[in-house]
């Protein structure tokens, strides 16, 4: 990420953020993910602000946190007490929120500013590892609850101008998100299904032989990929990637594969 062309543009990254607060609780099944975060953060341009598209917020239209000091939403259950005492006191950025709103409006995408919603764990879990000082203003953007892949690519395209403003754009999801299978005994078949989809996703995002028309078509038609619905019974953890691709509009510069809780997952930098 240190080439001349990338030095002029802020980073876009889709990452797999793990299971709830477990990465912050020292869970052994997240050691590879933690190592990935430690490796990848220095590759990113230090941002002046961060926009996170979280898999854990859906609304009927793209919604944007615009409060100056959002609280944290502990939007998980059944974890030890310390999971509900996690702190990440990053400020919001009404200025960035309004810019996101206006960029969407200019692209004829109706959006909503939300001054009440806090930051969910799709934001504070990865950012507490990436930028533990919590000194970078953050804004969170929702998915659209129709879960249409093309709509999320269009949202990303509308936000492409943010890259010249040193805004780090993070799609926070999980490239494998079949919760039942995380806790099932692994088999050769389940491993093959997991790996077949991940290889398709790695190829789709990082193979320079695809034209961007072809790459976008593959992402829009992701359900046709091998084992797509096994890996994503519901697609909310994949769609932040579509927003990231819409912003970047090109092949990923770096791709990473690593395990979370025994499953192959991936992440991408543009």
Protein backbone atom coordinates (compact mmCIF):
# COMPACT_ATOMS: atom_id res chain seq x y z
CA UNK A 1 0.00 0.00 0.00
CA UNK A 2 3.00 2.31 -0.32
CA UNK A 3 2.96 2.79 -4.08
CA UNK A 4 2.70 6.29 -5.47
CA UNK A 5 -0.84 5.77 -6.74
CA UNK A 6 -2.08 4.55 -3.37
CA UNK A 7 -0.30 7.32 -1.46
CA UNK A 8 -2.74 9.73 -3.07
CA UNK A 9 -5.83 7.82 -1.98
CA UNK A 10 -7.07 6.66 1.38
CA UNK A 11 -7.49 2.96 1.97
CA UNK A 12 -10.58 0.81 1.55
CA UNK A 13 -10.66 -2.50 3.39
CA UNK A 14 -13.15 -5.30 3.84
CA UNK A 15 -12.33 -7.30 6.93
CA UNK A 16 -13.77 -10.26 8.77
CA UNK A 17 -14.41 -8.95 12.27
CA UNK A 18 -14.85 -12.25 14.11
CA UNK A 19 -17.44 -13.50 16.55
CA UNK A 20 -18.91 -10.74 18.71
CA UNK A 21 -16.39 -9.49 21.30
CA UNK A 22 -14.30 -12.68 21.24
CA UNK A 23 -11.27 -11.11 19.50
CA UNK A 24 -11.00 -8.68 22.44
CA UNK A 25 -11.37 -11.44 25.03
CA UNK A 26 -8.32 -13.44 23.96
CA UNK A 27 -10.29 -16.26 22.30
CA UNK A 28 -7.92 -18.85 20.83
CA UNK A 29 -10.11 -19.27 17.76
CA UNK A 30 -9.35 -15.67 16.80
CA UNK A 31 -5.56 -15.73 17.04
CA UNK A 32 -5.12 -15.73 13.25
CA UNK A 33 -7.51 -12.80 12.92
CA UNK A 34 -5.68 -10.82 15.61
CA UNK A 35 -2.38 -11.50 13.85
CA UNK A 36 -3.94 -10.29 10.60
CA UNK A 37 -5.08 -7.03 12.23
CA UNK A 38 -1.60 -6.46 13.66
CA UNK A 39 -0.09 -7.08 10.24
CA UNK A 40 -2.50 -5.09 8.13
CA UNK A 41 -2.96 -1.88 10.14
CA UNK A 42 0.54 -0.51 9.34
CA UNK A 43 -0.24 -1.05 5.63
CA UNK A 44 -3.10 1.44 5.77
CA UNK A 45 -2.71 5.16 5.36
CA UNK A 46 -3.32 6.79 8.77
CA UNK A 47 -6.75 8.36 8.31
CA UNK A 48 -8.17 11.64 9.50
CA UNK A 49 -11.58 9.96 9.88
CA UNK A 50 -13.06 6.47 9.52
CA UNK A 51 -16.29 5.35 7.86
CA UNK A 52 -17.44 1.85 8.83
CA UNK A 53 -20.10 -0.09 6.96
CA UNK A 54 -21.20 -2.61 9.57
CA UNK A 55 -23.00 -5.90 8.97
CA UNK A 56 -24.83 -5.28 12.25
CA UNK A 57 -26.95 -2.33 11.17
CA UNK A 58 -29.72 -2.58 8.61
CA UNK A 59 -32.27 0.10 7.74
CA UNK A 60 -34.84 0.75 5.04
CA UNK A 61 -32.47 3.34 3.54
CA UNK A 62 -28.75 3.99 4.07
CA UNK A 63 -28.48 5.51 7.54
CA UNK A 64 -25.54 7.42 8.93
CA UNK A 65 -24.51 8.10 12.53
CA UNK A 66 -24.18 11.86 12.91
CA UNK A 67 -23.86 12.30 16.67
CA UNK A 68 -20.76 13.99 18.05
CA UNK A 69 -20.21 11.39 20.81
CA UNK A 70 -21.94 8.11 19.99
CA UNK A 71 -22.27 5.53 22.74
CA UNK A 72 -21.38 1.85 22.28
CA UNK A 73 -24.01 -0.75 21.50
CA UNK A 74 -23.21 -4.11 23.09
CA UNK A 75 -25.25 -5.88 20.47
CA UNK A 76 -24.40 -9.42 21.51
CA UNK A 77 -25.46 -11.68 24.33
CA UNK A 78 -24.22 -14.59 26.42
CA UNK A 79 -20.66 -13.37 26.91
CA UNK A 80 -18.67 -12.74 30.13
CA UNK A 81 -19.20 -9.52 32.05
CA UNK A 82 -16.05 -7.93 30.65
CA UNK A 83 -17.60 -8.03 27.17
CA UNK A 84 -20.08 -5.39 28.36
CA UNK A 85 -17.41 -3.17 29.89
CA UNK A 86 -15.41 -2.67 26.69
CA UNK A 87 -14.67 1.00 26.05
CA UNK A 88 -13.90 2.72 22.76
CA UNK A 89 -14.47 6.45 23.24
CA UNK A 90 -13.97 7.57 19.65
CA UNK A 91 -15.81 10.73 18.73
CA UNK A 92 -18.30 10.94 15.92
CA UNK A 93 -17.92 13.27 12.96
CA UNK A 94 -21.03 15.25 12.04
CA UNK A 95 -18.99 16.82 9.23
CA UNK A 96 -18.19 13.47 7.64
CA UNK A 97 -21.74 12.23 8.23
CA UNK A 98 -23.14 15.18 6.32
CA UNK A 99 -20.66 14.66 3.52
CA UNK A 100 -21.72 11.00 3.21
CA UNK A 101 -25.37 12.09 3.21
CA UNK A 102 -24.79 14.67 0.47
CA UNK A 103 -22.75 12.29 -1.69
CA UNK A 104 -25.57 9.77 -1.55
CA UNK A 105 -28.11 12.48 -2.28
CA UNK A 106 -26.09 13.59 -5.31
CA UNK A 107 -26.28 10.01 -6.58
CA UNK A 108 -30.09 10.03 -6.12
CA UNK A 109 -29.83 7.66 -3.15
CA UNK A 110 -32.18 8.64 -0.35
CA UNK A 111 -30.44 8.42 3.01
CA UNK A 112 -31.03 9.20 6.67
CA UNK A 113 -28.95 10.96 9.33
CA UNK A 114 -29.26 9.36 12.78
CA UNK A 115 -28.05 11.39 15.77
CA UNK A 116 -29.10 8.78 18.35
CA UNK A 117 -27.58 5.51 17.26
CA UNK A 118 -24.31 4.39 18.81
CA UNK A 119 -21.44 2.34 17.43
CA UNK A 120 -22.06 -1.41 17.29
CA UNK A 121 -19.43 -4.12 17.65
CA UNK A 122 -18.86 -4.20 13.90
CA UNK A 123 -17.09 -0.89 14.52
CA UNK A 124 -15.62 -0.98 17.99
CA UNK A 125 -14.24 -4.53 17.98
CA UNK A 126 -11.91 -4.16 14.96
CA UNK A 127 -11.09 -0.52 15.66
CA UNK A 128 -10.09 -1.19 19.25
CA UNK A 129 -7.43 -3.51 17.82
CA UNK A 130 -6.47 -1.29 14.88
CA UNK A 131 -6.47 2.13 16.56
CA UNK A 132 -6.58 1.50 20.32
CA UNK A 133 -6.14 5.18 21.22
CA UNK A 134 -9.64 5.88 19.82
CA UNK A 135 -8.34 9.24 18.59
CA UNK A 136 -9.80 9.12 15.06
CA UNK A 137 -13.39 10.36 14.52
CA UNK A 138 -15.73 7.65 13.27
CA UNK A 139 -19.01 7.44 11.37
CA UNK A 140 -21.04 4.30 10.82
CA UNK A 141 -23.14 3.57 7.73
CA UNK A 142 -25.92 0.99 7.65
CA UNK A 143 -26.75 -1.63 5.10
CA UNK A 144 -30.09 -1.43 3.31
CA UNK A 145 -32.41 -4.14 4.60
CA UNK A 146 -33.44 -5.25 1.11
CA UNK A 147 -29.94 -6.81 1.01
CA UNK A 148 -29.66 -6.28 -2.74
CA UNK A 149 -26.01 -6.61 -3.82
CA UNK A 150 -26.27 -4.14 -6.71
CA UNK A 151 -27.75 -1.47 -4.43
CA UNK A 152 -24.77 -1.76 -2.10
CA UNK A 153 -22.28 -1.49 -4.96
CA UNK A 154 -24.09 1.70 -6.04
CA UNK A 155 -23.83 3.08 -2.50
CA UNK A 156 -20.09 2.48 -2.68
CA UNK A 157 -19.80 4.18 -6.06
CA UNK A 158 -21.56 7.24 -4.65
CA UNK A 159 -18.97 7.45 -1.87
CA UNK A 160 -15.86 7.07 -4.03
CA UNK A 161 -15.03 10.76 -3.62
CA UNK A 162 -14.24 10.21 0.05
CA UNK A 163 -10.96 8.58 -0.92
CA UNK A 164 -9.39 11.93 -1.69
CA UNK A 165 -10.30 13.18 1.80
CA UNK A 166 -8.12 10.72 3.75
CA UNK A 167 -11.14 8.81 5.05
CA UNK A 168 -10.46 5.15 5.80
CA UNK A 169 -13.44 3.12 4.58
CA UNK A 170 -13.96 -0.21 6.33
CA UNK A 171 -16.47 -2.86 5.34
CA UNK A 172 -16.87 -4.79 8.58
CA UNK A 173 -18.40 -8.21 8.03
CA UNK A 174 -17.33 -11.85 7.90
CA UNK A 175 -16.63 -13.72 4.69
CA UNK A 176 -17.94 -16.95 6.25
CA UNK A 177 -21.05 -16.44 8.36
CA UNK A 178 -22.89 -19.68 9.00
CA UNK A 179 -23.21 -19.50 12.78
CA UNK A 180 -24.44 -23.06 13.16
CA UNK A 181 -21.39 -24.40 11.34
CA UNK A 182 -18.97 -22.45 13.54
CA UNK A 183 -20.07 -24.68 16.41
CA UNK A 184 -20.50 -27.96 14.51
CA UNK A 185 -17.82 -30.61 14.28
CA UNK A 186 -15.85 -29.97 11.08
CA UNK A 187 -15.93 -32.57 8.33
CA UNK A 188 -14.11 -32.93 5.03
CA UNK A 189 -17.31 -31.88 3.28
CA UNK A 190 -17.86 -28.76 5.39
CA UNK A 191 -14.23 -27.77 4.96
CA UNK A 192 -14.48 -28.21 1.20
CA UNK A 193 -17.65 -26.10 1.04
CA UNK A 194 -16.06 -23.33 3.10
CA UNK A 195 -12.88 -23.32 1.03
CA UNK A 196 -14.67 -23.45 -2.32
CA UNK A 197 -16.56 -20.23 -1.61
CA UNK A 198 -13.49 -18.51 -0.19
CA UNK A 199 -11.45 -19.42 -3.25
CA UNK A 200 -14.21 -18.01 -5.46
CA UNK A 201 -14.25 -14.80 -3.42
CA UNK A 202 -10.46 -14.46 -3.47
CA UNK A 203 -10.47 -14.99 -7.22
CA UNK A 204 -13.32 -12.53 -7.76
CA UNK A 205 -11.72 -9.74 -5.75
CA UNK A 206 -8.05 -10.17 -6.58
CA UNK A 207 -7.79 -11.70 -10.07
CA UNK A 208 -6.62 -8.96 -12.42
CA UNK A 209 -7.71 -10.97 -15.47
CA UNK A 210 -11.33 -10.02 -14.82
CA UNK A 211 -12.59 -6.79 -16.29
CA UNK A 212 -14.44 -4.59 -13.82
CA UNK A 213 -17.68 -5.37 -15.66
CA UNK A 214 -17.03 -9.06 -15.07
CA UNK A 215 -15.99 -8.55 -11.45
CA UNK A 216 -19.08 -6.50 -10.65
CA UNK A 217 -21.31 -9.07 -12.34
CA UNK A 218 -19.77 -11.85 -10.24
CA UNK A 219 -20.37 -9.91 -7.03
CA UNK A 220 -23.95 -9.06 -7.98
CA UNK A 221 -24.58 -12.74 -8.75
CA UNK A 222 -22.65 -14.03 -5.73
CA UNK A 223 -25.39 -16.57 -4.95
CA UNK A 224 -24.18 -18.53 -7.99
CA UNK A 225 -20.77 -19.06 -6.38
CA UNK A 226 -19.87 -22.50 -5.05
CA UNK A 227 -21.38 -23.12 -1.59
CA UNK A 228 -22.65 -19.52 -1.47
CA UNK A 229 -25.69 -20.18 0.71
CA UNK A 230 -23.82 -22.65 2.90
CA UNK A 231 -21.34 -19.90 3.78
CA UNK A 232 -23.96 -17.14 3.89
CA UNK A 233 -27.46 -18.36 4.79
CA UNK A 234 -28.13 -14.62 5.03
CA UNK A 235 -25.87 -12.16 3.24
CA UNK A 236 -25.56 -9.23 5.64
CA UNK A 237 -21.95 -10.10 6.53
CA UNK A 238 -20.90 -10.23 2.88
CA UNK A 239 -22.52 -7.00 1.66
CA UNK A 240 -20.06 -4.59 3.30
CA UNK A 241 -17.62 -6.01 0.73
CA UNK A 242 -19.94 -4.89 -2.07
CA UNK A 243 -19.90 -1.33 -0.72
CA UNK A 244 -16.09 -1.43 -0.55
CA UNK A 245 -15.85 -2.68 -4.10
CA UNK A 246 -18.23 0.05 -5.24
CA UNK A 247 -15.97 2.67 -3.66
CA UNK A 248 -12.79 1.25 -5.19
CA UNK A 249 -14.10 -0.01 -8.53
CA UNK A 250 -11.00 -2.06 -9.18
CA UNK A 251 -9.16 -5.26 -8.36
CA UNK A 252 -8.04 -5.47 -4.74
CA UNK A 253 -4.41 -4.58 -4.10
CA UNK A 254 -3.98 -7.15 -1.33
CA UNK A 255 -5.95 -10.22 -0.29
CA UNK A 256 -5.57 -12.17 2.93
CA UNK A 257 -6.85 -15.59 3.99
CA UNK A 258 -6.89 -16.70 7.62
CA UNK A 259 -8.92 -18.81 10.02
CA UNK A 260 -11.58 -17.67 12.47
CA UNK A 261 -12.94 -20.36 14.79
CA UNK A 262 -11.68 -23.08 12.46
CA UNK A 263 -13.19 -21.60 9.30
CA UNK A 264 -11.33 -20.06 6.36
CA UNK A 265 -12.10 -16.36 6.03
CA UNK A 266 -10.67 -13.52 3.99
CA UNK A 267 -10.04 -9.78 3.85
CA UNK A 268 -9.20 -7.33 1.07
CA UNK A 269 -7.48 -3.98 0.70
CA UNK A 270 -8.05 -1.60 -2.21
